[in-house]
Amino acid sequence: MLDDKESLWGTTIAGRRVLGSLASARECSEAWFVNGIGSPSSFWKKDEIIARSGVPLERFATLVHPAASVSATSEVGPGTVIFQNVTIGSGARIGKHVLICPGAVVSHDCIVGDYTCIASSVSIAGDVRVGSLCYLGMSCAVRERVEIGNGSLLGMGSVVLRNVAENSVVVGNPARYLRVRDLSERNDGQA
């Protein structure tokens, strides 16, 4: 495991030793890497965090849990991690470095942009477009043919019935606009 939080170096998490910072990935020339970045506090920096590692895209593993159901007519991008009991419908296209947590459903003909995190039990109806660097909170639901703009956050349990503008935070049932995501957060140096 690698983490930029120095206090974790040398510790053990889930039976695995934290070897050092993301920059130390460059020293692991024979290793495959798995992207585990899925926090609602850093989702909009996922591309930058991964870039800091210096690891080329082809060295990131694409993992699909054996208990996931992924249509043979869907596409899953490199570096993506799909957990157990996820369903990916026919014609869906999942970008690179996407994290899809347990029990989520991405229905037919959906497009999920790069670096997006889909939390547990999210339900996305058919023909939805989810932008890059989005975070879909646990148990939210998205109606068919809705578009979610890049960098947006859907709050936990939200029911999204209309398009969501780029860099927006929406919450509730039905989901309502709460605020623009503070773009200065993107460059705060925190992972």
N, C-alpha and C. Protein backbone atom coordinates (compact mmCIF):
# COMPACT_ATOMS: atom_id res chain seq x y z
N MET A 1 0.84 -1.17 0.00
CA MET A 1 0.00 0.00 0.00
C MET A 1 0.89 1.24 0.00
N LEU A 2 0.40 2.27 -0.69
CA LEU A 2 1.08 3.55 -0.73
C LEU A 2 0.10 4.64 -0.32
N ASP A 3 0.58 5.60 0.44
CA ASP A 3 -0.27 6.71 0.90
C ASP A 3 0.61 7.92 1.16
N ASP A 4 0.15 9.08 0.78
CA ASP A 4 0.93 10.30 1.01
C ASP A 4 0.90 10.78 2.46
N LYS A 5 0.08 10.16 3.28
CA LYS A 5 0.01 10.55 4.69
C LYS A 5 1.18 9.89 5.43
N GLU A 6 2.19 10.68 5.75
CA GLU A 6 3.43 10.16 6.32
C GLU A 6 3.22 9.38 7.62
N SER A 7 2.22 9.74 8.41
CA SER A 7 1.98 9.04 9.67
C SER A 7 1.57 7.57 9.45
N LEU A 8 1.16 7.22 8.25
CA LEU A 8 0.78 5.83 7.95
C LEU A 8 1.95 4.97 7.49
N TRP A 9 3.05 5.59 7.06
CA TRP A 9 4.18 4.83 6.54
C TRP A 9 4.70 3.87 7.60
N GLY A 10 4.88 2.63 7.19
CA GLY A 10 5.38 1.61 8.10
C GLY A 10 4.30 0.93 8.92
N THR A 11 3.07 1.44 8.86
CA THR A 11 1.97 0.81 9.60
C THR A 11 1.35 -0.28 8.72
N THR A 12 0.43 -1.02 9.31
CA THR A 12 -0.27 -2.07 8.59
C THR A 12 -1.76 -1.74 8.54
N ILE A 13 -2.33 -1.84 7.35
CA ILE A 13 -3.76 -1.61 7.14
C ILE A 13 -4.31 -2.83 6.41
N ALA A 14 -5.35 -3.44 6.97
CA ALA A 14 -5.97 -4.62 6.38
C ALA A 14 -4.92 -5.68 6.02
N GLY A 15 -3.95 -5.85 6.89
CA GLY A 15 -2.94 -6.88 6.70
C GLY A 15 -1.84 -6.52 5.70
N ARG A 16 -1.85 -5.28 5.21
CA ARG A 16 -0.84 -4.86 4.24
C ARG A 16 -0.05 -3.68 4.79
N ARG A 17 1.25 -3.74 4.61
CA ARG A 17 2.13 -2.69 5.10
C ARG A 17 2.08 -1.48 4.17
N VAL A 18 2.04 -0.28 4.73
CA VAL A 18 2.10 0.96 3.96
C VAL A 18 3.59 1.26 3.74
N LEU A 19 4.01 1.16 2.47
CA LEU A 19 5.42 1.24 2.13
C LEU A 19 5.95 2.67 2.05
N GLY A 20 5.10 3.62 1.74
CA GLY A 20 5.56 5.00 1.60
C GLY A 20 4.57 5.82 0.79
N SER A 21 5.08 6.89 0.21
CA SER A 21 4.24 7.84 -0.53
C SER A 21 3.91 7.30 -1.93
N LEU A 22 2.98 7.97 -2.59
CA LEU A 22 2.63 7.60 -3.96
C LEU A 22 3.83 7.74 -4.89
N ALA A 23 4.69 8.71 -4.62
CA ALA A 23 5.87 8.92 -5.45
C ALA A 23 6.78 7.70 -5.44
N SER A 24 6.75 6.92 -4.37
CA SER A 24 7.60 5.73 -4.30
C SER A 24 7.13 4.63 -5.26
N ALA A 25 5.98 4.82 -5.88
CA ALA A 25 5.49 3.84 -6.87
C ALA A 25 6.47 3.69 -8.02
N ARG A 26 7.18 4.76 -8.33
CA ARG A 26 8.16 4.72 -9.43
C ARG A 26 9.25 3.67 -9.18
N GLU A 27 9.49 3.35 -7.91
CA GLU A 27 10.53 2.39 -7.55
C GLU A 27 10.05 0.95 -7.68
N CYS A 28 8.78 0.76 -7.91
CA CYS A 28 8.19 -0.59 -7.98
C CYS A 28 7.95 -0.95 -9.44
N SER A 29 9.03 -1.12 -10.20
CA SER A 29 8.93 -1.28 -11.65
C SER A 29 8.22 -2.55 -12.10
N GLU A 30 8.15 -3.55 -11.25
CA GLU A 30 7.51 -4.81 -11.62
C GLU A 30 6.08 -4.94 -11.10
N ALA A 31 5.64 -3.97 -10.33
CA ALA A 31 4.34 -4.08 -9.66
C ALA A 31 3.19 -3.61 -10.54
N TRP A 32 2.03 -4.21 -10.28
CA TRP A 32 0.76 -3.71 -10.81
C TRP A 32 0.13 -2.88 -9.70
N PHE A 33 -0.66 -1.91 -10.07
CA PHE A 33 -1.26 -1.00 -9.10
C PHE A 33 -2.77 -1.04 -9.20
N VAL A 34 -3.40 -0.79 -8.04
CA VAL A 34 -4.86 -0.70 -7.97
C VAL A 34 -5.18 0.64 -7.35
N ASN A 35 -6.04 1.37 -8.00
CA ASN A 35 -6.48 2.67 -7.52
C ASN A 35 -7.62 2.45 -6.53
N GLY A 36 -7.43 2.89 -5.30
CA GLY A 36 -8.47 2.75 -4.28
C GLY A 36 -8.99 4.09 -3.78
N ILE A 37 -8.87 5.14 -4.59
CA ILE A 37 -9.27 6.49 -4.18
C ILE A 37 -10.76 6.64 -4.42
N GLY A 38 -11.51 6.81 -3.32
CA GLY A 38 -12.96 6.93 -3.47
C GLY A 38 -13.60 7.79 -2.41
N SER A 39 -12.89 8.75 -1.89
CA SER A 39 -13.41 9.58 -0.80
C SER A 39 -14.21 10.77 -1.32
N PRO A 40 -15.34 11.07 -0.67
CA PRO A 40 -16.08 12.27 -1.07
C PRO A 40 -15.32 13.55 -0.76
N SER A 41 -14.24 13.45 0.02
CA SER A 41 -13.46 14.65 0.33
C SER A 41 -12.33 14.89 -0.66
N SER A 42 -12.05 13.93 -1.55
CA SER A 42 -10.96 14.13 -2.50
C SER A 42 -11.27 13.64 -3.92
N PHE A 43 -12.52 13.33 -4.21
CA PHE A 43 -12.86 12.75 -5.51
C PHE A 43 -12.45 13.65 -6.67
N TRP A 44 -12.53 14.95 -6.51
CA TRP A 44 -12.25 15.89 -7.60
C TRP A 44 -10.75 16.03 -7.87
N LYS A 45 -9.92 15.40 -7.04
CA LYS A 45 -8.47 15.45 -7.22
C LYS A 45 -7.90 14.10 -7.64
N LYS A 46 -8.76 13.14 -7.90
CA LYS A 46 -8.31 11.78 -8.18
C LYS A 46 -7.34 11.74 -9.36
N ASP A 47 -7.61 12.49 -10.41
CA ASP A 47 -6.71 12.50 -11.56
C ASP A 47 -5.33 13.03 -11.18
N GLU A 48 -5.29 14.09 -10.37
CA GLU A 48 -4.02 14.66 -9.93
C GLU A 48 -3.26 13.71 -9.00
N ILE A 49 -3.98 13.07 -8.11
CA ILE A 49 -3.36 12.14 -7.16
C ILE A 49 -2.71 10.98 -7.92
N ILE A 50 -3.44 10.43 -8.88
CA ILE A 50 -2.91 9.31 -9.67
C ILE A 50 -1.72 9.78 -10.51
N ALA A 51 -1.80 10.96 -11.10
CA ALA A 51 -0.70 11.49 -11.91
C ALA A 51 0.57 11.65 -11.07
N ARG A 52 0.42 12.06 -9.81
CA ARG A 52 1.59 12.24 -8.93
C ARG A 52 2.34 10.94 -8.71
N SER A 53 1.66 9.83 -8.85
CA SER A 53 2.31 8.54 -8.63
C SER A 53 3.35 8.26 -9.72
N GLY A 54 3.17 8.85 -10.89
CA GLY A 54 4.08 8.61 -12.00
C GLY A 54 3.91 7.25 -12.65
N VAL A 55 2.86 6.53 -12.27
CA VAL A 55 2.61 5.19 -12.81
C VAL A 55 1.83 5.32 -14.11
N PRO A 56 2.32 4.73 -15.20
CA PRO A 56 1.57 4.80 -16.46
C PRO A 56 0.27 3.99 -16.39
N LEU A 57 -0.70 4.41 -17.17
CA LEU A 57 -2.03 3.78 -17.16
C LEU A 57 -1.97 2.27 -17.34
N GLU A 58 -1.08 1.79 -18.20
CA GLU A 58 -1.02 0.35 -18.48
C GLU A 58 -0.53 -0.48 -17.29
N ARG A 59 -0.03 0.16 -16.22
CA ARG A 59 0.39 -0.59 -15.04
C ARG A 59 -0.67 -0.61 -13.95
N PHE A 60 -1.85 -0.07 -14.24
CA PHE A 60 -2.97 -0.16 -13.31
C PHE A 60 -3.84 -1.35 -13.70
N ALA A 61 -4.13 -2.19 -12.72
CA ALA A 61 -4.99 -3.35 -12.96
C ALA A 61 -6.45 -2.89 -13.05
N THR A 62 -7.21 -3.56 -13.89
CA THR A 62 -8.66 -3.40 -13.94
C THR A 62 -9.22 -4.61 -13.22
N LEU A 63 -9.97 -4.38 -12.14
CA LEU A 63 -10.46 -5.48 -11.32
C LEU A 63 -11.98 -5.53 -11.34
N VAL A 64 -12.51 -6.72 -11.60
CA VAL A 64 -13.96 -6.94 -11.56
C VAL A 64 -14.19 -8.12 -10.62
N HIS A 65 -14.89 -7.88 -9.53
CA HIS A 65 -15.18 -8.94 -8.56
C HIS A 65 -15.96 -10.06 -9.24
N PRO A 66 -15.67 -11.32 -8.91
CA PRO A 66 -16.39 -12.43 -9.55
C PRO A 66 -17.89 -12.42 -9.30
N ALA A 67 -18.35 -11.74 -8.25
CA ALA A 67 -19.79 -11.67 -7.98
C ALA A 67 -20.44 -10.46 -8.65
N ALA A 68 -19.70 -9.74 -9.49
CA ALA A 68 -20.29 -8.64 -10.27
C ALA A 68 -20.85 -9.22 -11.56
N SER A 69 -21.86 -8.54 -12.11
CA SER A 69 -22.45 -8.94 -13.39
C SER A 69 -22.20 -7.81 -14.38
N VAL A 70 -21.27 -8.05 -15.31
CA VAL A 70 -20.90 -7.04 -16.29
C VAL A 70 -21.27 -7.56 -17.68
N SER A 71 -22.15 -6.84 -18.37
CA SER A 71 -22.60 -7.27 -19.70
C SER A 71 -21.42 -7.40 -20.64
N ALA A 72 -21.47 -8.41 -21.47
CA ALA A 72 -20.43 -8.63 -22.48
C ALA A 72 -20.41 -7.51 -23.51
N THR A 73 -21.49 -6.73 -23.62
CA THR A 73 -21.52 -5.64 -24.58
C THR A 73 -21.16 -4.29 -23.95
N SER A 74 -20.74 -4.30 -22.71
CA SER A 74 -20.30 -3.06 -22.05
C SER A 74 -18.78 -2.94 -22.20
N GLU A 75 -18.26 -1.75 -21.89
CA GLU A 75 -16.82 -1.50 -21.92
C GLU A 75 -16.39 -0.99 -20.56
N VAL A 76 -15.27 -1.51 -20.06
CA VAL A 76 -14.73 -1.08 -18.78
C VAL A 76 -13.31 -0.59 -19.01
N GLY A 77 -13.03 0.65 -18.62
CA GLY A 77 -11.74 1.27 -18.86
C GLY A 77 -10.65 0.76 -17.94
N PRO A 78 -9.40 1.00 -18.31
CA PRO A 78 -8.26 0.54 -17.51
C PRO A 78 -8.21 1.22 -16.15
N GLY A 79 -7.75 0.47 -15.17
CA GLY A 79 -7.61 1.00 -13.81
C GLY A 79 -8.91 1.08 -13.04
N THR A 80 -9.99 0.59 -13.61
CA THR A 80 -11.30 0.63 -12.96
C THR A 80 -11.43 -0.55 -12.00
N VAL A 81 -12.12 -0.32 -10.88
CA VAL A 81 -12.37 -1.36 -9.89
C VAL A 81 -13.89 -1.49 -9.71
N ILE A 82 -14.39 -2.71 -9.91
CA ILE A 82 -15.82 -3.01 -9.78
C ILE A 82 -15.98 -4.04 -8.69
N PHE A 83 -16.68 -3.68 -7.63
CA PHE A 83 -16.84 -4.53 -6.45
C PHE A 83 -17.96 -5.56 -6.63
N GLN A 84 -18.16 -6.35 -5.57
CA GLN A 84 -19.14 -7.43 -5.60
C GLN A 84 -20.57 -6.89 -5.74
N ASN A 85 -21.39 -7.71 -6.39
CA ASN A 85 -22.82 -7.46 -6.56
C ASN A 85 -23.13 -6.19 -7.33
N VAL A 86 -22.18 -5.72 -8.13
CA VAL A 86 -22.42 -4.60 -9.05
C VAL A 86 -23.01 -5.18 -10.32
N THR A 87 -23.94 -4.43 -10.93
CA THR A 87 -24.50 -4.81 -12.23
C THR A 87 -24.19 -3.70 -13.23
N ILE A 88 -23.58 -4.08 -14.35
CA ILE A 88 -23.31 -3.15 -15.44
C ILE A 88 -24.10 -3.66 -16.64
N GLY A 89 -25.04 -2.84 -17.12
CA GLY A 89 -25.94 -3.26 -18.20
C GLY A 89 -25.32 -3.19 -19.59
N SER A 90 -26.08 -3.69 -20.55
CA SER A 90 -25.62 -3.75 -21.93
C SER A 90 -25.35 -2.36 -22.49
N GLY A 91 -24.28 -2.27 -23.24
CA GLY A 91 -23.92 -1.03 -23.91
C GLY A 91 -23.36 0.05 -23.01
N ALA A 92 -23.19 -0.22 -21.73
CA ALA A 92 -22.63 0.78 -20.82
C ALA A 92 -21.14 0.96 -21.12
N ARG A 93 -20.65 2.18 -20.92
CA ARG A 93 -19.23 2.47 -21.11
C ARG A 93 -18.71 3.13 -19.84
N ILE A 94 -17.78 2.45 -19.20
CA ILE A 94 -17.20 2.90 -17.94
C ILE A 94 -15.79 3.40 -18.25
N GLY A 95 -15.45 4.61 -17.82
CA GLY A 95 -14.15 5.21 -18.12
C GLY A 95 -13.01 4.60 -17.34
N LYS A 96 -11.85 5.25 -17.40
CA LYS A 96 -10.66 4.77 -16.70
C LYS A 96 -10.68 5.25 -15.26
N HIS A 97 -10.08 4.45 -14.39
CA HIS A 97 -9.93 4.76 -12.96
C HIS A 97 -11.26 5.06 -12.27
N VAL A 98 -12.31 4.37 -12.66
CA VAL A 98 -13.62 4.51 -12.01
C VAL A 98 -13.68 3.50 -10.87
N LEU A 99 -14.30 3.87 -9.78
CA LEU A 99 -14.50 2.98 -8.64
C LEU A 99 -16.01 2.79 -8.49
N ILE A 100 -16.47 1.53 -8.56
CA ILE A 100 -17.90 1.23 -8.41
C ILE A 100 -18.05 0.28 -7.22
N CYS A 101 -18.64 0.79 -6.16
CA CYS A 101 -18.73 0.07 -4.88
C CYS A 101 -19.85 -0.96 -4.86
N PRO A 102 -19.87 -1.83 -3.85
CA PRO A 102 -20.79 -2.97 -3.81
C PRO A 102 -22.27 -2.58 -3.99
N GLY A 103 -22.94 -3.40 -4.79
CA GLY A 103 -24.38 -3.29 -4.94
C GLY A 103 -24.87 -2.21 -5.88
N ALA A 104 -23.98 -1.50 -6.55
CA ALA A 104 -24.40 -0.44 -7.47
C ALA A 104 -24.92 -1.04 -8.77
N VAL A 105 -25.82 -0.30 -9.43
CA VAL A 105 -26.36 -0.69 -10.72
C VAL A 105 -26.12 0.45 -11.71
N VAL A 106 -25.43 0.13 -12.80
CA VAL A 106 -25.25 1.06 -13.91
C VAL A 106 -25.97 0.42 -15.09
N SER A 107 -27.12 0.95 -15.45
CA SER A 107 -27.99 0.30 -16.41
C SER A 107 -27.50 0.46 -17.85
N HIS A 108 -28.31 0.00 -18.78
CA HIS A 108 -27.94 -0.05 -20.20
C HIS A 108 -27.60 1.32 -20.77
N ASP A 109 -26.62 1.33 -21.65
CA ASP A 109 -26.24 2.50 -22.44
C ASP A 109 -25.80 3.72 -21.64
N CYS A 110 -25.41 3.52 -20.40
CA CYS A 110 -24.88 4.62 -19.60
C CYS A 110 -23.42 4.87 -19.97
N ILE A 111 -22.99 6.12 -19.76
CA ILE A 111 -21.58 6.48 -19.91
C ILE A 111 -21.14 7.06 -18.58
N VAL A 112 -20.06 6.50 -18.03
CA VAL A 112 -19.50 6.98 -16.76
C VAL A 112 -18.11 7.49 -17.07
N GLY A 113 -17.87 8.79 -16.78
CA GLY A 113 -16.60 9.42 -17.10
C GLY A 113 -15.45 8.96 -16.22
N ASP A 114 -14.26 9.25 -16.69
CA ASP A 114 -13.02 8.89 -16.00
C ASP A 114 -13.00 9.42 -14.57
N TYR A 115 -12.38 8.66 -13.68
CA TYR A 115 -12.08 9.04 -12.28
C TYR A 115 -13.33 9.21 -11.41
N THR A 116 -14.46 8.76 -11.84
CA THR A 116 -15.69 8.91 -11.06
C THR A 116 -15.76 7.81 -10.00
N CYS A 117 -16.41 8.13 -8.88
CA CYS A 117 -16.66 7.17 -7.82
C CYS A 117 -18.16 7.00 -7.65
N ILE A 118 -18.61 5.75 -7.74
CA ILE A 118 -20.01 5.41 -7.55
C ILE A 118 -20.09 4.59 -6.27
N ALA A 119 -20.70 5.16 -5.23
CA ALA A 119 -20.74 4.52 -3.91
C ALA A 119 -21.71 3.34 -3.90
N SER A 120 -21.74 2.65 -2.78
CA SER A 120 -22.57 1.45 -2.61
C SER A 120 -24.05 1.74 -2.84
N SER A 121 -24.71 0.79 -3.49
CA SER A 121 -26.16 0.78 -3.70
C SER A 121 -26.69 1.93 -4.54
N VAL A 122 -25.83 2.59 -5.31
CA VAL A 122 -26.29 3.61 -6.25
C VAL A 122 -27.04 2.91 -7.37
N SER A 123 -28.10 3.54 -7.87
CA SER A 123 -28.88 2.98 -8.97
C SER A 123 -28.98 4.02 -10.07
N ILE A 124 -28.38 3.71 -11.22
CA ILE A 124 -28.37 4.62 -12.36
C ILE A 124 -29.20 3.99 -13.47
N ALA A 125 -30.29 4.67 -13.86
CA ALA A 125 -31.17 4.15 -14.91
C ALA A 125 -30.50 4.24 -16.28
N GLY A 126 -31.17 3.76 -17.31
CA GLY A 126 -30.61 3.68 -18.65
C GLY A 126 -30.31 5.02 -19.29
N ASP A 127 -29.27 5.01 -20.13
CA ASP A 127 -28.91 6.14 -20.98
C ASP A 127 -28.55 7.40 -20.20
N VAL A 128 -27.93 7.24 -19.04
CA VAL A 128 -27.47 8.36 -18.22
C VAL A 128 -26.03 8.67 -18.59
N ARG A 129 -25.66 9.95 -18.56
CA ARG A 129 -24.29 10.40 -18.80
C ARG A 129 -23.75 10.98 -17.50
N VAL A 130 -22.72 10.35 -16.95
CA VAL A 130 -22.07 10.84 -15.74
C VAL A 130 -20.70 11.35 -16.16
N GLY A 131 -20.40 12.59 -15.82
CA GLY A 131 -19.14 13.19 -16.22
C GLY A 131 -17.94 12.62 -15.49
N SER A 132 -16.79 13.18 -15.77
CA SER A 132 -15.54 12.80 -15.11
C SER A 132 -15.46 13.42 -13.73
N LEU A 133 -14.70 12.77 -12.84
CA LEU A 133 -14.41 13.29 -11.50
C LEU A 133 -15.68 13.59 -10.70
N CYS A 134 -16.67 12.73 -10.82
CA CYS A 134 -17.91 12.87 -10.05
C CYS A 134 -17.90 11.93 -8.86
N TYR A 135 -18.76 12.22 -7.90
CA TYR A 135 -18.96 11.34 -6.75
C TYR A 135 -20.46 11.17 -6.58
N LEU A 136 -20.93 9.92 -6.70
CA LEU A 136 -22.35 9.60 -6.52
C LEU A 136 -22.49 8.93 -5.17
N GLY A 137 -23.09 9.62 -4.21
CA GLY A 137 -23.18 9.16 -2.83
C GLY A 137 -24.03 7.91 -2.67
N MET A 138 -23.77 7.22 -1.58
CA MET A 138 -24.42 5.95 -1.28
C MET A 138 -25.94 6.02 -1.45
N SER A 139 -26.48 5.05 -2.13
CA SER A 139 -27.93 4.85 -2.32
C SER A 139 -28.63 5.96 -3.08
N CYS A 140 -27.89 6.77 -3.82
CA CYS A 140 -28.60 7.75 -4.64
C CYS A 140 -29.15 7.05 -5.88
N ALA A 141 -30.14 7.66 -6.51
CA ALA A 141 -30.77 7.11 -7.70
C ALA A 141 -30.82 8.19 -8.76
N VAL A 142 -30.54 7.79 -10.01
CA VAL A 142 -30.53 8.74 -11.12
C VAL A 142 -31.51 8.25 -12.19
N ARG A 143 -32.44 9.12 -12.55
CA ARG A 143 -33.48 8.81 -13.56
C ARG A 143 -32.85 8.67 -14.95
N GLU A 144 -33.52 7.93 -15.84
CA GLU A 144 -33.02 7.72 -17.19
C GLU A 144 -32.82 9.03 -17.94
N ARG A 145 -31.83 9.01 -18.83
CA ARG A 145 -31.48 10.11 -19.74
C ARG A 145 -31.07 11.41 -19.05
N VAL A 146 -30.62 11.33 -17.81
CA VAL A 146 -30.13 12.50 -17.09
C VAL A 146 -28.63 12.64 -17.36
N GLU A 147 -28.14 13.89 -17.35
CA GLU A 147 -26.72 14.15 -17.50
C GLU A 147 -26.18 14.79 -16.22
N ILE A 148 -25.09 14.22 -15.73
CA ILE A 148 -24.41 14.71 -14.53
C ILE A 148 -23.12 15.36 -14.99
N GLY A 149 -22.95 16.66 -14.74
CA GLY A 149 -21.77 17.38 -15.20
C GLY A 149 -20.50 16.98 -14.49
N ASN A 150 -19.37 17.21 -15.13
CA ASN A 150 -18.06 16.91 -14.57
C ASN A 150 -17.90 17.52 -13.18
N GLY A 151 -17.25 16.78 -12.29
CA GLY A 151 -16.90 17.30 -10.97
C GLY A 151 -18.05 17.46 -10.00
N SER A 152 -19.19 16.86 -10.29
CA SER A 152 -20.36 17.03 -9.42
C SER A 152 -20.45 15.96 -8.35
N LEU A 153 -21.11 16.31 -7.27
CA LEU A 153 -21.34 15.41 -6.14
C LEU A 153 -22.83 15.26 -5.93
N LEU A 154 -23.32 14.01 -5.94
CA LEU A 154 -24.71 13.71 -5.62
C LEU A 154 -24.74 13.19 -4.20
N GLY A 155 -25.47 13.87 -3.34
CA GLY A 155 -25.51 13.50 -1.93
C GLY A 155 -26.13 12.14 -1.69
N MET A 156 -25.75 11.54 -0.58
CA MET A 156 -26.24 10.23 -0.18
C MET A 156 -27.76 10.21 -0.20
N GLY A 157 -28.36 9.22 -0.85
CA GLY A 157 -29.80 9.04 -0.89
C GLY A 157 -30.55 9.99 -1.81
N SER A 158 -29.84 10.80 -2.56
CA SER A 158 -30.50 11.74 -3.47
C SER A 158 -31.23 11.01 -4.58
N VAL A 159 -32.34 11.60 -5.01
CA VAL A 159 -33.10 11.08 -6.15
C VAL A 159 -33.01 12.15 -7.24
N VAL A 160 -32.19 11.87 -8.26
CA VAL A 160 -31.86 12.86 -9.28
C VAL A 160 -32.79 12.68 -10.48
N LEU A 161 -33.63 13.69 -10.71
CA LEU A 161 -34.63 13.63 -11.77
C LEU A 161 -34.30 14.54 -12.95
N ARG A 162 -33.35 15.48 -12.75
CA ARG A 162 -32.99 16.45 -13.79
C ARG A 162 -31.48 16.51 -13.94
N ASN A 163 -31.05 17.10 -15.04
CA ASN A 163 -29.61 17.26 -15.29
C ASN A 163 -28.96 18.03 -14.15
N VAL A 164 -27.71 17.73 -13.91
CA VAL A 164 -26.92 18.38 -12.86
C VAL A 164 -25.77 19.12 -13.55
N ALA A 165 -25.67 20.42 -13.30
CA ALA A 165 -24.62 21.23 -13.91
C ALA A 165 -23.25 20.83 -13.37
N GLU A 166 -22.23 21.11 -14.15
CA GLU A 166 -20.84 20.83 -13.78
C GLU A 166 -20.50 21.45 -12.42
N ASN A 167 -19.70 20.72 -11.63
CA ASN A 167 -19.21 21.19 -10.33
C ASN A 167 -20.31 21.55 -9.35
N SER A 168 -21.44 20.86 -9.43
CA SER A 168 -22.56 21.13 -8.54
C SER A 168 -22.65 20.08 -7.44
N VAL A 169 -23.21 20.49 -6.31
CA VAL A 169 -23.56 19.58 -5.24
C VAL A 169 -25.08 19.58 -5.16
N VAL A 170 -25.68 18.38 -5.29
CA VAL A 170 -27.14 18.26 -5.18
C VAL A 170 -27.47 17.25 -4.09
N VAL A 171 -28.60 17.49 -3.41
CA VAL A 171 -29.01 16.63 -2.30
C VAL A 171 -30.54 16.52 -2.27
N GLY A 172 -31.04 15.46 -1.65
CA GLY A 172 -32.45 15.35 -1.33
C GLY A 172 -33.27 14.51 -2.28
N ASN A 173 -34.58 14.44 -1.97
CA ASN A 173 -35.56 13.68 -2.74
C ASN A 173 -36.80 14.54 -2.92
N PRO A 174 -36.99 15.07 -4.13
CA PRO A 174 -36.09 15.00 -5.28
C PRO A 174 -34.86 15.86 -5.04
N ALA A 175 -33.77 15.51 -5.76
CA ALA A 175 -32.52 16.22 -5.57
C ALA A 175 -32.68 17.68 -5.95
N ARG A 176 -32.10 18.55 -5.13
CA ARG A 176 -32.12 19.98 -5.41
C ARG A 176 -30.68 20.49 -5.33
N TYR A 177 -30.45 21.55 -6.05
CA TYR A 177 -29.14 22.18 -6.07
C TYR A 177 -28.84 22.73 -4.68
N LEU A 178 -27.68 22.40 -4.13
CA LEU A 178 -27.26 22.93 -2.84
C LEU A 178 -26.25 24.05 -3.01
N ARG A 179 -25.21 23.79 -3.82
CA ARG A 179 -24.17 24.79 -4.01
C ARG A 179 -23.24 24.35 -5.13
N VAL A 180 -22.42 25.30 -5.57
CA VAL A 180 -21.31 24.97 -6.46
C VAL A 180 -20.22 24.40 -5.59
N ARG A 181 -19.59 23.35 -6.06
CA ARG A 181 -18.46 22.80 -5.33
C ARG A 181 -17.37 23.84 -5.34
N ASP A 182 -16.77 24.10 -4.21
CA ASP A 182 -15.73 25.11 -4.06
C ASP A 182 -14.50 24.66 -4.85
N LEU A 183 -14.26 25.32 -5.99
CA LEU A 183 -13.17 24.91 -6.86
C LEU A 183 -11.80 25.16 -6.25
N SER A 184 -11.70 26.01 -5.25
CA SER A 184 -10.41 26.22 -4.58
C SER A 184 -10.01 24.98 -3.79
N GLU A 185 -10.98 24.13 -3.45
CA GLU A 185 -10.67 22.89 -2.73
C GLU A 185 -9.75 22.00 -3.55
N ARG A 186 -9.85 22.09 -4.87
CA ARG A 186 -9.08 21.22 -5.76
C ARG A 186 -7.58 21.37 -5.55
N ASN A 187 -7.13 22.52 -5.17
CA ASN A 187 -5.69 22.77 -5.06
C ASN A 187 -5.23 22.97 -3.63
N ASP A 188 -5.88 22.33 -2.68
CA ASP A 188 -5.50 22.55 -1.28
C ASP A 188 -4.33 21.67 -0.83
N GLY A 189 -3.79 20.84 -1.74
CA GLY A 189 -2.61 20.04 -1.41
C GLY A 189 -2.92 18.78 -0.60
N GLN A 190 -4.15 18.56 -0.26
CA GLN A 190 -4.53 17.38 0.54
C GLN A 190 -4.90 16.23 -0.40
N ALA A 191 -4.63 15.01 0.05
CA ALA A 191 -5.07 13.85 -0.72
C ALA A 191 -6.21 13.27 0.06
